[in-house]
Amino acid sequence: MSGSGGSSLGGSQGPKVTDVSCPADIKPAPAATAKCKASGQEGLAGPVTVTFQDDQGQAYKYKGKLKASGFTQTVSGTAR
C-alpha cells in the first residue's frame, strides 16, 4: 500500500505529508493497524501508525511524529 493524502498538522503552518507507504506484506482490513512510513515536504519523514478503513488499503487514517531538518512535526490525516 502506498498513497498520498491530506494531512492535519494540528493547526500549525508547516510542511504537508505527501506519501504514506506500508510494507508489501501488510494485509489491510477494516480497523486493522500497521506501522508504516510517511514522507512530505521539506524532507519531512518518519514512522506513522496507519488504521485501515477498508480491505483494499485505499482508505486509511495515519498519525505520527515526523522529523525534518531542525524540527519535529506531529501529523495526522486521512487518505481515500
Protein backbone atom coordinates (compact mmCIF):
# COMPACT_ATOMS: atom_id res chain seq x y z
CA MET A 1 0.00 0.00 0.00
CA SER A 2 1.32 3.37 -0.91
CA GLY A 3 -0.58 6.56 -1.30
CA SER A 4 -0.84 10.20 -0.65
CA GLY A 5 -3.31 12.02 1.48
CA GLY A 6 -4.06 15.34 3.02
CA SER A 7 -2.75 15.93 6.47
CA SER A 8 -3.81 17.84 9.50
CA LEU A 9 -0.85 19.40 11.23
CA GLY A 10 -2.57 20.44 14.44
CA GLY A 11 -3.34 23.91 13.15
CA SER A 12 0.30 24.84 12.57
CA GLN A 13 1.62 26.18 9.31
CA GLY A 14 4.17 23.67 8.16
CA PRO A 15 5.11 21.03 5.63
CA LYS A 16 2.48 18.55 4.49
CA VAL A 17 2.63 14.76 4.25
CA THR A 18 2.75 13.74 0.58
CA ASP A 19 3.18 9.95 0.79
CA VAL A 20 2.41 7.10 3.18
CA SER A 21 3.79 3.63 2.39
CA CYS A 22 3.45 0.33 4.20
CA PRO A 23 5.45 -2.90 3.82
CA ALA A 24 4.24 -5.16 1.00
CA ASP A 25 3.33 -7.96 3.42
CA ILE A 26 0.70 -5.85 5.23
CA LYS A 27 -2.83 -7.19 4.71
CA PRO A 28 -5.34 -4.34 5.08
CA ALA A 29 -8.62 -4.97 6.89
CA PRO A 30 -11.12 -2.52 8.38
CA ALA A 31 -9.85 -1.27 11.79
CA ALA A 32 -6.50 -3.11 11.42
CA THR A 33 -3.37 -1.09 12.24
CA ALA A 34 0.14 -1.19 10.83
CA LYS A 35 3.46 0.61 11.27
CA CYS A 36 4.26 2.44 8.04
CA LYS A 37 6.45 5.28 6.75
CA ALA A 38 5.42 8.77 5.74
CA SER A 39 7.27 11.48 3.87
CA GLY A 40 6.47 15.01 2.87
CA GLN A 41 7.55 18.49 2.03
CA GLU A 42 10.84 19.97 3.29
CA GLY A 43 12.31 16.49 3.95
CA LEU A 44 9.61 15.51 6.45
CA ALA A 45 9.90 11.74 7.12
CA GLY A 46 9.31 9.10 9.77
CA PRO A 47 7.10 6.32 11.09
CA VAL A 48 3.32 6.57 11.34
CA THR A 49 0.60 4.26 12.59
CA VAL A 50 -1.96 3.54 9.89
CA THR A 51 -5.51 2.42 10.69
CA PHE A 52 -7.18 0.90 7.64
CA GLN A 53 -10.78 1.72 6.82
CA ASP A 54 -11.21 -0.86 4.06
CA ASP A 55 -9.74 -4.20 2.97
CA GLN A 56 -8.01 -2.74 -0.10
CA GLY A 57 -5.65 -0.34 1.68
CA GLN A 58 -7.09 2.61 -0.24
CA ALA A 59 -8.87 4.31 2.68
CA TYR A 60 -6.91 4.84 5.88
CA LYS A 61 -6.02 7.23 8.67
CA TYR A 62 -2.46 7.89 9.81
CA LYS A 63 -0.79 9.51 12.80
CA GLY A 64 2.80 10.00 13.90
CA LYS A 65 5.71 12.31 14.63
CA LEU A 66 7.88 13.07 11.65
CA LYS A 67 11.26 14.77 11.56
CA ALA A 68 12.86 17.16 9.13
CA SER A 69 15.97 19.29 9.28
CA GLY A 70 15.74 21.18 12.55
CA PHE A 71 12.22 20.27 13.68
CA THR A 72 9.75 17.51 14.58
CA GLN A 73 6.12 17.71 13.41
CA THR A 74 3.13 15.75 14.73
CA VAL A 75 0.95 14.74 11.79
CA SER A 76 -2.37 13.02 11.23
CA GLY A 77 -4.62 12.68 8.24
CA THR A 78 -6.92 10.58 6.11
CA ALA A 79 -6.49 9.16 2.61
CA ARG A 80 -9.27 7.88 0.37
